[in-house]
């Protein structure tokens, strides 16, 4: 059991249970002195989150070699902002067996299975402060500059810049009078064209 950043959202931390062994782990259970906690921001108008227990399964029936179970735990950024109001270290154990739980009607010899227990320490303080370095190629930078220019062009199109003496945007001179959207400015009447 360990903590790992999500592959695409670096600040989102996942809780992972992986079988690194050569055989299946059966009836995998977790036990913590203080259960892992998470900040719940939903349904909070004041912005102060509730601290709740992370929802973990009571038991994982089986983990094959190399197989893993994972869940999103919390955001390192949000958790860092909460500072001391949320626990950062969680000590516990992961218990599993080398064989599946036998049916009750089986003989006593088959009921014997070996129990394994691993000590687990999950500590958020080993992840903070979170720093991120993003490498960009010249292609990425060019694309970013192109997006900025397109945004600037959109803004300038929406808010046209007029120089004094220029006719209004969209104005057409017709028979010596400026028209705009089909209305003759000089006469103030509708103009239908020549």
N, C-alpha and C. Protein backbone atom coordinates (compact mmCIF):
# COMPACT_ATOMS: atom_id res chain seq x y z
N UNK A 1 0.86 -1.17 0.00
CA UNK A 1 0.00 0.00 0.00
C UNK A 1 0.90 1.22 0.00
N UNK A 2 0.60 2.17 -0.91
CA UNK A 2 1.41 3.37 -1.02
C UNK A 2 0.59 4.49 -1.66
N UNK A 3 1.17 5.70 -1.64
CA UNK A 3 0.55 6.88 -2.24
C UNK A 3 1.29 7.18 -3.54
N UNK A 4 0.52 7.62 -4.57
CA UNK A 4 1.13 7.89 -5.86
C UNK A 4 0.38 9.01 -6.56
N UNK A 5 1.10 9.98 -7.17
CA UNK A 5 0.41 11.03 -7.94
C UNK A 5 -0.30 10.43 -9.15
N UNK A 6 -1.46 11.00 -9.48
CA UNK A 6 -2.21 10.58 -10.67
C UNK A 6 -1.38 10.92 -11.91
N UNK A 7 -1.36 10.06 -12.93
CA UNK A 7 -0.51 10.31 -14.11
C UNK A 7 -0.80 11.61 -14.85
N UNK A 8 -2.06 12.04 -14.92
CA UNK A 8 -2.36 13.26 -15.68
C UNK A 8 -2.59 14.48 -14.81
N UNK A 9 -3.02 14.32 -13.56
CA UNK A 9 -3.20 15.44 -12.64
C UNK A 9 -2.21 15.27 -11.50
N UNK A 10 -1.05 15.90 -11.61
CA UNK A 10 0.07 15.67 -10.70
C UNK A 10 -0.27 15.96 -9.25
N UNK A 11 -1.21 16.84 -8.97
CA UNK A 11 -1.52 17.19 -7.58
C UNK A 11 -2.53 16.24 -6.94
N UNK A 12 -3.20 15.43 -7.75
CA UNK A 12 -4.16 14.46 -7.22
C UNK A 12 -3.39 13.21 -6.80
N UNK A 13 -3.55 12.84 -5.53
CA UNK A 13 -2.83 11.70 -4.98
C UNK A 13 -3.78 10.51 -4.85
N UNK A 14 -3.33 9.37 -5.32
CA UNK A 14 -4.12 8.14 -5.26
C UNK A 14 -3.54 7.21 -4.20
N UNK A 15 -4.41 6.45 -3.58
CA UNK A 15 -4.01 5.40 -2.66
C UNK A 15 -4.01 4.09 -3.45
N UNK A 16 -2.87 3.38 -3.43
CA UNK A 16 -2.70 2.19 -4.26
C UNK A 16 -2.37 0.98 -3.39
N UNK A 17 -3.05 -0.12 -3.65
CA UNK A 17 -2.72 -1.41 -3.04
C UNK A 17 -2.31 -2.32 -4.20
N UNK A 18 -1.04 -2.75 -4.21
CA UNK A 18 -0.53 -3.55 -5.32
C UNK A 18 0.09 -4.84 -4.78
N UNK A 19 -0.12 -5.91 -5.50
CA UNK A 19 0.50 -7.19 -5.14
C UNK A 19 1.83 -7.29 -5.88
N UNK A 20 2.93 -7.12 -5.15
CA UNK A 20 4.27 -7.23 -5.73
C UNK A 20 4.79 -8.66 -5.71
N UNK A 21 4.05 -9.58 -5.12
CA UNK A 21 4.50 -10.96 -4.96
C UNK A 21 4.35 -11.80 -6.21
N UNK A 22 4.73 -13.09 -6.07
CA UNK A 22 4.67 -14.04 -7.17
C UNK A 22 3.40 -14.89 -7.15
N UNK A 23 2.62 -14.75 -6.07
CA UNK A 23 1.36 -15.51 -5.98
C UNK A 23 0.24 -14.57 -5.55
N UNK A 24 -0.98 -15.05 -5.65
CA UNK A 24 -2.14 -14.22 -5.34
C UNK A 24 -2.21 -13.93 -3.84
N UNK A 25 -2.72 -12.74 -3.51
CA UNK A 25 -2.99 -12.36 -2.12
C UNK A 25 -4.50 -12.44 -1.94
N UNK A 26 -4.95 -13.18 -0.94
CA UNK A 26 -6.38 -13.40 -0.71
C UNK A 26 -6.85 -12.67 0.54
N UNK A 27 -8.11 -12.24 0.50
CA UNK A 27 -8.76 -11.60 1.66
C UNK A 27 -7.90 -10.47 2.22
N UNK A 28 -7.58 -9.51 1.37
CA UNK A 28 -6.72 -8.38 1.74
C UNK A 28 -7.54 -7.39 2.57
N UNK A 29 -7.03 -7.09 3.79
CA UNK A 29 -7.73 -6.17 4.70
C UNK A 29 -6.77 -5.07 5.14
N UNK A 30 -7.36 -3.92 5.49
CA UNK A 30 -6.59 -2.77 5.96
C UNK A 30 -7.02 -2.46 7.38
N UNK A 31 -6.06 -2.07 8.21
CA UNK A 31 -6.37 -1.66 9.57
C UNK A 31 -5.46 -0.49 9.93
N UNK A 32 -6.07 0.64 10.33
CA UNK A 32 -5.31 1.84 10.66
C UNK A 32 -5.62 2.27 12.09
N UNK A 33 -4.60 2.79 12.78
CA UNK A 33 -4.79 3.37 14.11
C UNK A 33 -5.76 4.54 13.99
N UNK A 34 -5.48 5.43 13.05
CA UNK A 34 -6.37 6.54 12.68
C UNK A 34 -6.65 6.37 11.20
N UNK A 35 -7.91 6.13 10.81
CA UNK A 35 -8.22 5.90 9.39
C UNK A 35 -7.82 7.10 8.53
N UNK A 36 -7.39 6.87 7.30
CA UNK A 36 -7.06 7.97 6.39
C UNK A 36 -8.25 8.91 6.21
N UNK A 37 -7.96 10.20 6.17
CA UNK A 37 -9.01 11.21 6.06
C UNK A 37 -8.88 11.98 4.76
N UNK A 38 -9.99 12.61 4.40
CA UNK A 38 -10.06 13.40 3.17
C UNK A 38 -10.91 14.63 3.45
N UNK A 39 -10.61 15.73 2.77
CA UNK A 39 -11.40 16.95 2.91
C UNK A 39 -12.59 16.87 1.95
N UNK A 40 -13.79 17.08 2.47
CA UNK A 40 -15.02 17.06 1.66
C UNK A 40 -15.48 18.50 1.45
N UNK A 41 -15.35 18.99 0.20
CA UNK A 41 -15.72 20.36 -0.12
C UNK A 41 -17.16 20.48 -0.61
N UNK A 42 -17.79 19.36 -0.93
CA UNK A 42 -19.14 19.39 -1.48
C UNK A 42 -20.12 19.92 -0.45
N UNK A 43 -21.12 20.67 -0.91
CA UNK A 43 -22.22 21.17 -0.08
C UNK A 43 -21.74 22.05 1.07
N UNK A 44 -20.64 22.78 0.88
CA UNK A 44 -20.16 23.68 1.92
C UNK A 44 -20.19 25.11 1.37
N UNK A 45 -21.13 25.91 1.87
CA UNK A 45 -21.27 27.29 1.39
C UNK A 45 -20.15 28.18 1.93
N UNK A 46 -19.68 27.90 3.15
CA UNK A 46 -18.66 28.75 3.76
C UNK A 46 -17.25 28.45 3.28
N UNK A 47 -17.07 27.41 2.48
CA UNK A 47 -15.76 27.08 1.93
C UNK A 47 -14.88 26.27 2.85
N UNK A 48 -15.26 26.11 4.11
CA UNK A 48 -14.46 25.31 5.04
C UNK A 48 -14.90 23.86 4.90
N UNK A 49 -13.98 22.99 4.51
CA UNK A 49 -14.39 21.60 4.25
C UNK A 49 -14.58 20.79 5.52
N UNK A 50 -15.42 19.77 5.42
CA UNK A 50 -15.54 18.77 6.48
C UNK A 50 -14.40 17.78 6.30
N UNK A 51 -13.90 17.27 7.41
CA UNK A 51 -12.88 16.23 7.36
C UNK A 51 -13.60 14.90 7.56
N UNK A 52 -13.49 14.01 6.59
CA UNK A 52 -14.20 12.73 6.64
C UNK A 52 -13.22 11.58 6.43
N UNK A 53 -13.65 10.41 6.82
CA UNK A 53 -12.84 9.21 6.63
C UNK A 53 -12.87 8.81 5.16
N UNK A 54 -11.70 8.47 4.60
CA UNK A 54 -11.62 7.99 3.23
C UNK A 54 -12.34 6.65 3.14
N UNK A 55 -13.22 6.52 2.16
CA UNK A 55 -13.99 5.28 2.00
C UNK A 55 -13.11 4.20 1.39
N UNK A 56 -12.82 3.19 2.19
CA UNK A 56 -12.03 2.04 1.73
C UNK A 56 -12.89 0.79 1.82
N UNK A 57 -12.64 -0.18 0.96
CA UNK A 57 -13.40 -1.43 1.07
C UNK A 57 -13.01 -2.17 2.35
N UNK A 58 -13.94 -2.95 2.89
CA UNK A 58 -13.63 -3.75 4.08
C UNK A 58 -12.58 -4.82 3.75
N UNK A 59 -12.67 -5.33 2.51
CA UNK A 59 -11.77 -6.42 2.12
C UNK A 59 -11.71 -6.49 0.60
N UNK A 60 -10.53 -6.80 0.09
CA UNK A 60 -10.37 -7.11 -1.33
C UNK A 60 -10.26 -8.63 -1.42
N UNK A 61 -11.17 -9.30 -2.14
CA UNK A 61 -11.17 -10.76 -2.16
C UNK A 61 -9.86 -11.37 -2.65
N UNK A 62 -9.29 -10.81 -3.72
CA UNK A 62 -8.03 -11.36 -4.24
C UNK A 62 -7.32 -10.31 -5.09
N UNK A 63 -6.00 -10.30 -4.99
CA UNK A 63 -5.16 -9.50 -5.87
C UNK A 63 -4.16 -10.45 -6.51
N UNK A 64 -4.24 -10.60 -7.82
CA UNK A 64 -3.31 -11.46 -8.56
C UNK A 64 -1.93 -10.81 -8.57
N UNK A 65 -0.88 -11.56 -8.88
CA UNK A 65 0.45 -10.96 -8.96
C UNK A 65 0.48 -9.81 -9.97
N UNK A 66 0.97 -8.66 -9.54
CA UNK A 66 1.02 -7.47 -10.38
C UNK A 66 -0.27 -6.68 -10.44
N UNK A 67 -1.35 -7.22 -9.93
CA UNK A 67 -2.64 -6.53 -9.96
C UNK A 67 -2.67 -5.48 -8.85
N UNK A 68 -3.45 -4.42 -9.08
CA UNK A 68 -3.56 -3.37 -8.08
C UNK A 68 -4.99 -2.87 -7.96
N UNK A 69 -5.26 -2.28 -6.82
CA UNK A 69 -6.52 -1.59 -6.56
C UNK A 69 -6.12 -0.17 -6.19
N UNK A 70 -6.83 0.83 -6.75
CA UNK A 70 -6.49 2.21 -6.44
C UNK A 70 -7.73 3.07 -6.33
N UNK A 71 -7.60 4.15 -5.58
CA UNK A 71 -8.67 5.12 -5.43
C UNK A 71 -8.06 6.51 -5.30
N UNK A 72 -8.79 7.53 -5.75
CA UNK A 72 -8.34 8.91 -5.57
C UNK A 72 -8.49 9.25 -4.10
N UNK A 73 -7.42 9.78 -3.51
CA UNK A 73 -7.45 10.12 -2.09
C UNK A 73 -7.78 11.59 -1.91
N UNK A 74 -6.90 12.48 -2.38
CA UNK A 74 -7.11 13.91 -2.15
C UNK A 74 -6.16 14.69 -3.05
N UNK A 75 -6.31 16.02 -3.03
CA UNK A 75 -5.43 16.91 -3.78
C UNK A 75 -4.33 17.41 -2.84
N UNK A 76 -3.08 17.31 -3.27
CA UNK A 76 -1.96 17.78 -2.46
C UNK A 76 -2.03 19.29 -2.26
N UNK A 77 -2.52 20.01 -3.26
CA UNK A 77 -2.63 21.47 -3.15
C UNK A 77 -3.67 21.83 -2.10
N UNK A 78 -4.86 21.24 -2.20
CA UNK A 78 -5.93 21.53 -1.23
C UNK A 78 -5.52 21.11 0.18
N UNK A 79 -4.87 19.98 0.28
CA UNK A 79 -4.47 19.46 1.59
C UNK A 79 -3.40 20.36 2.22
N UNK A 80 -2.51 20.89 1.41
CA UNK A 80 -1.48 21.80 1.90
C UNK A 80 -2.10 23.08 2.46
N UNK A 81 -3.18 23.55 1.83
CA UNK A 81 -3.87 24.76 2.31
C UNK A 81 -4.54 24.53 3.65
N UNK A 82 -4.94 23.29 3.95
CA UNK A 82 -5.58 22.98 5.23
C UNK A 82 -4.57 22.90 6.36
N UNK A 83 -3.30 22.75 6.03
CA UNK A 83 -2.19 22.70 6.99
C UNK A 83 -2.47 21.75 8.14
N UNK A 84 -2.49 22.25 9.37
CA UNK A 84 -2.60 21.39 10.55
C UNK A 84 -4.00 20.94 10.90
N UNK A 85 -5.02 21.37 10.16
CA UNK A 85 -6.39 21.00 10.51
C UNK A 85 -6.77 19.60 10.03
N UNK A 86 -5.89 18.95 9.29
CA UNK A 86 -6.16 17.59 8.82
C UNK A 86 -4.91 16.74 9.07
N UNK A 87 -5.12 15.55 9.56
CA UNK A 87 -4.00 14.64 9.88
C UNK A 87 -3.21 14.32 8.61
N UNK A 88 -1.88 14.23 8.74
CA UNK A 88 -1.06 13.96 7.56
C UNK A 88 -0.38 12.59 7.58
N UNK A 89 -0.32 11.94 8.74
CA UNK A 89 0.36 10.63 8.83
C UNK A 89 -0.62 9.57 9.32
N UNK A 90 -0.59 8.43 8.63
CA UNK A 90 -1.51 7.33 8.95
C UNK A 90 -0.71 6.03 9.04
N UNK A 91 -0.66 5.46 10.24
CA UNK A 91 0.03 4.19 10.47
C UNK A 91 -0.99 3.07 10.48
N UNK A 92 -0.64 1.97 9.84
CA UNK A 92 -1.58 0.85 9.80
C UNK A 92 -0.92 -0.43 9.34
N UNK A 93 -1.76 -1.40 9.03
CA UNK A 93 -1.29 -2.69 8.54
C UNK A 93 -2.16 -3.16 7.38
N UNK A 94 -1.56 -3.95 6.51
CA UNK A 94 -2.27 -4.65 5.45
C UNK A 94 -2.10 -6.13 5.74
N UNK A 95 -3.22 -6.84 5.86
CA UNK A 95 -3.19 -8.27 6.16
C UNK A 95 -3.78 -9.03 4.98
N UNK A 96 -3.13 -10.14 4.62
CA UNK A 96 -3.62 -10.96 3.52
C UNK A 96 -3.20 -12.41 3.75
N UNK A 97 -3.74 -13.32 2.94
CA UNK A 97 -3.49 -14.75 3.09
C UNK A 97 -2.97 -15.34 1.79
N UNK A 98 -2.29 -16.49 1.92
CA UNK A 98 -1.73 -17.14 0.74
C UNK A 98 -2.74 -18.00 -0.01
N UNK A 99 -3.87 -18.29 0.63
CA UNK A 99 -4.92 -19.11 0.00
C UNK A 99 -6.28 -18.46 0.21
N UNK A 100 -7.25 -18.82 -0.63
CA UNK A 100 -8.60 -18.29 -0.40
C UNK A 100 -9.21 -18.89 0.86
N UNK A 101 -10.23 -18.25 1.36
CA UNK A 101 -10.96 -18.75 2.53
C UNK A 101 -11.65 -20.05 2.12
N UNK A 102 -11.40 -21.15 2.83
CA UNK A 102 -11.98 -22.44 2.43
C UNK A 102 -13.46 -22.51 2.79
N UNK A 103 -14.22 -23.28 2.02
CA UNK A 103 -15.62 -23.51 2.38
C UNK A 103 -15.67 -24.27 3.71
N UNK A 104 -16.72 -24.11 4.44
CA UNK A 104 -16.84 -24.73 5.77
C UNK A 104 -16.82 -26.26 5.71
N UNK A 105 -17.26 -26.85 4.63
CA UNK A 105 -17.37 -28.31 4.56
C UNK A 105 -16.04 -28.99 4.22
N UNK A 106 -15.00 -28.24 3.87
CA UNK A 106 -13.70 -28.83 3.53
C UNK A 106 -13.02 -29.40 4.77
N UNK A 107 -12.09 -30.31 4.56
CA UNK A 107 -11.34 -30.92 5.66
C UNK A 107 -10.45 -29.91 6.36
N UNK A 108 -10.04 -30.22 7.57
CA UNK A 108 -9.24 -29.30 8.38
C UNK A 108 -7.86 -29.02 7.76
N UNK A 109 -7.28 -29.97 7.06
CA UNK A 109 -5.95 -29.76 6.47
C UNK A 109 -5.97 -28.61 5.46
N UNK A 110 -7.04 -28.51 4.71
CA UNK A 110 -7.14 -27.44 3.70
C UNK A 110 -7.41 -26.09 4.34
N UNK A 111 -7.99 -26.06 5.53
CA UNK A 111 -8.32 -24.80 6.20
C UNK A 111 -7.08 -24.03 6.62
N UNK A 112 -5.96 -24.69 6.76
CA UNK A 112 -4.75 -24.00 7.19
C UNK A 112 -4.24 -23.11 6.05
N UNK A 113 -4.12 -21.86 6.35
CA UNK A 113 -3.56 -20.92 5.39
C UNK A 113 -2.68 -19.94 6.16
N UNK A 114 -1.69 -19.41 5.49
CA UNK A 114 -0.72 -18.54 6.15
C UNK A 114 -1.18 -17.09 6.05
N UNK A 115 -1.13 -16.40 7.18
CA UNK A 115 -1.49 -14.98 7.23
C UNK A 115 -0.21 -14.15 7.16
N UNK A 116 -0.25 -13.10 6.35
CA UNK A 116 0.88 -12.17 6.22
C UNK A 116 0.39 -10.78 6.62
N UNK A 117 1.24 -10.05 7.32
CA UNK A 117 0.91 -8.69 7.74
C UNK A 117 2.07 -7.77 7.39
N UNK A 118 1.77 -6.70 6.69
CA UNK A 118 2.77 -5.68 6.34
C UNK A 118 2.41 -4.38 7.04
N UNK A 119 3.41 -3.76 7.64
CA UNK A 119 3.21 -2.45 8.27
C UNK A 119 3.20 -1.38 7.18
N UNK A 120 2.30 -0.39 7.33
CA UNK A 120 2.13 0.66 6.33
C UNK A 120 2.22 2.01 7.01
N UNK A 121 2.95 2.95 6.39
CA UNK A 121 2.97 4.34 6.84
C UNK A 121 2.67 5.20 5.62
N UNK A 122 1.55 5.91 5.67
CA UNK A 122 1.16 6.84 4.61
C UNK A 122 1.33 8.24 5.17
N UNK A 123 2.24 9.02 4.59
CA UNK A 123 2.59 10.32 5.17
C UNK A 123 2.56 11.41 4.10
N UNK A 124 1.60 12.33 4.23
CA UNK A 124 1.45 13.43 3.28
C UNK A 124 2.62 14.41 3.36
N UNK A 125 3.27 14.52 4.51
CA UNK A 125 4.35 15.49 4.64
C UNK A 125 5.55 15.13 3.76
N UNK A 126 5.64 13.89 3.32
CA UNK A 126 6.73 13.53 2.40
C UNK A 126 6.47 14.07 1.00
N UNK A 127 5.24 14.48 0.71
CA UNK A 127 4.90 14.99 -0.62
C UNK A 127 4.94 16.51 -0.70
N UNK A 128 4.97 17.20 0.42
CA UNK A 128 4.88 18.66 0.41
C UNK A 128 6.23 19.28 0.68
N UNK A 129 6.54 20.45 0.17
CA UNK A 129 5.71 21.22 -0.74
C UNK A 129 5.77 20.63 -2.15
N UNK A 130 4.65 20.72 -2.82
CA UNK A 130 4.55 20.18 -4.17
C UNK A 130 5.07 21.23 -5.14
N UNK A 131 6.02 20.84 -5.95
CA UNK A 131 6.53 21.73 -6.98
C UNK A 131 6.43 21.00 -8.31
N UNK A 132 6.17 21.78 -9.35
CA UNK A 132 5.97 21.17 -10.66
C UNK A 132 6.76 21.95 -11.69
N UNK A 133 7.52 21.27 -12.48
CA UNK A 133 8.27 21.87 -13.56
C UNK A 133 7.68 21.34 -14.86
N UNK A 134 7.27 22.25 -15.72
CA UNK A 134 6.68 21.84 -16.99
C UNK A 134 7.63 22.19 -18.12
N UNK A 135 8.06 21.20 -18.86
CA UNK A 135 8.96 21.41 -19.98
C UNK A 135 8.13 21.59 -21.25
N UNK A 136 8.52 22.61 -22.03
CA UNK A 136 7.80 22.88 -23.27
C UNK A 136 8.79 22.91 -24.43
N UNK A 137 8.38 22.33 -25.54
CA UNK A 137 9.20 22.37 -26.75
C UNK A 137 8.92 23.68 -27.48
N UNK A 138 9.70 23.97 -28.50
CA UNK A 138 9.45 25.18 -29.28
C UNK A 138 8.09 25.10 -29.97
N UNK A 139 7.65 23.89 -30.32
CA UNK A 139 6.33 23.71 -30.93
C UNK A 139 5.24 24.09 -29.92
N UNK A 140 5.40 23.67 -28.66
CA UNK A 140 4.43 24.02 -27.62
C UNK A 140 4.36 25.53 -27.42
N UNK A 141 5.52 26.19 -27.40
CA UNK A 141 5.57 27.64 -27.22
C UNK A 141 4.92 28.36 -28.41
N UNK A 142 5.18 27.88 -29.63
CA UNK A 142 4.59 28.50 -30.82
C UNK A 142 3.07 28.35 -30.79
N UNK A 143 2.58 27.17 -30.40
CA UNK A 143 1.13 26.96 -30.31
C UNK A 143 0.52 27.88 -29.24
N UNK A 144 1.21 28.04 -28.13
CA UNK A 144 0.73 28.92 -27.07
C UNK A 144 0.66 30.37 -27.54
N UNK A 145 1.69 30.83 -28.29
CA UNK A 145 1.69 32.19 -28.81
C UNK A 145 0.59 32.38 -29.85
N UNK A 146 0.34 31.37 -30.67
CA UNK A 146 -0.74 31.44 -31.67
C UNK A 146 -2.09 31.58 -30.97
N UNK A 147 -2.30 30.84 -29.88
CA UNK A 147 -3.55 30.95 -29.13
C UNK A 147 -3.71 32.35 -28.54
N UNK A 148 -2.62 32.95 -28.07
CA UNK A 148 -2.68 34.31 -27.53
C UNK A 148 -3.06 35.30 -28.62
N UNK A 149 -2.46 35.15 -29.81
CA UNK A 149 -2.77 36.05 -30.92
C UNK A 149 -4.22 35.91 -31.37
N UNK A 150 -4.73 34.69 -31.41
CA UNK A 150 -6.13 34.48 -31.78
C UNK A 150 -7.07 35.11 -30.75
N UNK A 151 -6.72 35.00 -29.49
CA UNK A 151 -7.52 35.63 -28.44
C UNK A 151 -7.49 37.14 -28.59
N UNK A 152 -6.32 37.71 -28.85
CA UNK A 152 -6.20 39.16 -29.05
C UNK A 152 -7.01 39.61 -30.25
N UNK A 153 -6.96 38.85 -31.35
CA UNK A 153 -7.73 39.19 -32.55
C UNK A 153 -9.23 39.16 -32.25
N UNK A 154 -9.68 38.18 -31.48
CA UNK A 154 -11.09 38.07 -31.11
C UNK A 154 -11.52 39.28 -30.28
N UNK A 155 -10.68 39.68 -29.34
CA UNK A 155 -11.00 40.84 -28.50
C UNK A 155 -11.05 42.11 -29.34
N UNK A 156 -10.08 42.29 -30.24
CA UNK A 156 -10.05 43.49 -31.08
C UNK A 156 -11.21 43.51 -32.07
N UNK A 157 -11.66 42.37 -32.54
CA UNK A 157 -12.82 42.31 -33.43
C UNK A 157 -14.08 42.67 -32.66
N UNK A 158 -14.17 42.22 -31.44
CA UNK A 158 -15.35 42.48 -30.62
C UNK A 158 -15.41 43.95 -30.20
N UNK A 159 -14.27 44.54 -29.87
CA UNK A 159 -14.19 45.95 -29.50
C UNK A 159 -13.38 46.67 -30.56
N UNK A 160 -14.04 47.13 -31.66
CA UNK A 160 -13.29 47.74 -32.76
C UNK A 160 -12.63 49.05 -32.34
N UNK A 161 -11.46 49.30 -32.90
CA UNK A 161 -10.71 50.53 -32.63
C UNK A 161 -10.98 51.47 -33.80
N UNK A 162 -11.47 52.70 -33.49
CA UNK A 162 -11.76 53.70 -34.53
C UNK A 162 -10.79 54.85 -34.42
N UNK A 163 -10.32 55.30 -35.55
CA UNK A 163 -9.48 56.49 -35.62
C UNK A 163 -10.42 57.65 -35.93
N UNK A 164 -10.17 58.83 -35.31
CA UNK A 164 -11.05 59.98 -35.51
C UNK A 164 -11.13 60.33 -36.99
N UNK A 165 -12.33 60.54 -37.46
CA UNK A 165 -12.58 60.86 -38.86
C UNK A 165 -12.94 59.64 -39.69
N UNK A 166 -12.67 58.44 -39.18
CA UNK A 166 -13.04 57.22 -39.90
C UNK A 166 -14.55 57.04 -39.83
N UNK A 167 -15.14 56.52 -40.92
CA UNK A 167 -16.57 56.22 -40.85
C UNK A 167 -16.80 55.10 -39.83
N UNK A 168 -17.99 55.00 -39.28
CA UNK A 168 -18.27 53.90 -38.35
C UNK A 168 -18.04 52.56 -39.02
N UNK A 169 -17.71 51.57 -38.21
CA UNK A 169 -17.46 50.23 -38.73
C UNK A 169 -18.72 49.73 -39.45
N UNK A 170 -18.55 49.26 -40.68
CA UNK A 170 -19.67 48.76 -41.46
C UNK A 170 -20.37 49.86 -42.26
N UNK A 171 -19.88 51.11 -42.15
CA UNK A 171 -20.53 52.21 -42.87
C UNK A 171 -20.15 52.15 -44.35
N UNK A 172 -21.11 52.46 -45.19
CA UNK A 172 -20.91 52.46 -46.64
C UNK A 172 -21.34 53.83 -47.14
N UNK A 173 -20.51 54.41 -48.01
CA UNK A 173 -20.89 55.70 -48.59
C UNK A 173 -21.70 55.41 -49.84
N UNK A 174 -22.89 56.02 -49.90
CA UNK A 174 -23.79 55.79 -51.02
C UNK A 174 -24.37 57.14 -51.46
N UNK A 175 -24.04 57.56 -52.68
CA UNK A 175 -24.50 58.84 -53.23
C UNK A 175 -24.15 60.01 -52.31
N UNK A 176 -22.92 59.97 -51.73
CA UNK A 176 -22.47 61.08 -50.90
C UNK A 176 -22.95 61.03 -49.46
N UNK A 177 -23.79 60.07 -49.10
CA UNK A 177 -24.28 59.96 -47.72
C UNK A 177 -23.80 58.63 -47.13
N UNK A 178 -23.40 58.67 -45.84
CA UNK A 178 -22.95 57.43 -45.19
C UNK A 178 -24.16 56.63 -44.75
N UNK A 179 -24.13 55.36 -45.09
CA UNK A 179 -25.20 54.48 -44.64
C UNK A 179 -24.60 53.43 -43.71
N UNK A 180 -25.37 53.02 -42.75
CA UNK A 180 -24.93 52.01 -41.79
C UNK A 180 -26.11 51.08 -41.56
N UNK A 181 -25.95 49.85 -41.85
CA UNK A 181 -27.00 48.84 -41.70
C UNK A 181 -28.27 49.21 -42.44
N UNK A 182 -28.12 49.80 -43.62
CA UNK A 182 -29.29 50.08 -44.43
C UNK A 182 -30.00 51.37 -44.09
N UNK A 183 -29.51 52.15 -43.12
CA UNK A 183 -30.16 53.41 -42.77
C UNK A 183 -29.28 54.55 -43.27
N UNK A 184 -29.86 55.53 -43.97
CA UNK A 184 -29.12 56.68 -44.46
C UNK A 184 -28.93 57.65 -43.31
N UNK A 185 -27.66 57.94 -42.97
CA UNK A 185 -27.40 58.82 -41.84
C UNK A 185 -27.84 60.25 -42.14
N UNK A 186 -27.61 60.69 -43.37
CA UNK A 186 -27.94 62.08 -43.68
C UNK A 186 -29.44 62.31 -43.58
N UNK A 187 -30.23 61.41 -44.09
CA UNK A 187 -31.67 61.61 -44.11
C UNK A 187 -32.37 60.93 -42.95
N UNK A 188 -31.68 59.92 -42.32
CA UNK A 188 -32.31 59.21 -41.22
C UNK A 188 -33.44 58.32 -41.68
N UNK A 189 -33.46 57.98 -42.94
CA UNK A 189 -34.53 57.12 -43.44
C UNK A 189 -33.92 55.84 -44.00
N UNK A 190 -34.74 54.87 -44.21
CA UNK A 190 -34.28 53.57 -44.71
C UNK A 190 -33.85 53.71 -46.15
N UNK A 191 -32.72 53.10 -46.48
CA UNK A 191 -32.18 53.17 -47.83
C UNK A 191 -32.18 51.76 -48.42
N UNK A 192 -32.78 51.57 -49.56
CA UNK A 192 -32.90 50.25 -50.16
C UNK A 192 -31.91 50.02 -51.28
N UNK A 193 -31.02 50.93 -51.54
CA UNK A 193 -30.00 50.70 -52.56
C UNK A 193 -30.38 51.34 -53.88
N UNK A 194 -29.45 51.30 -54.87
CA UNK A 194 -29.65 51.98 -56.15
C UNK A 194 -30.40 51.13 -57.13
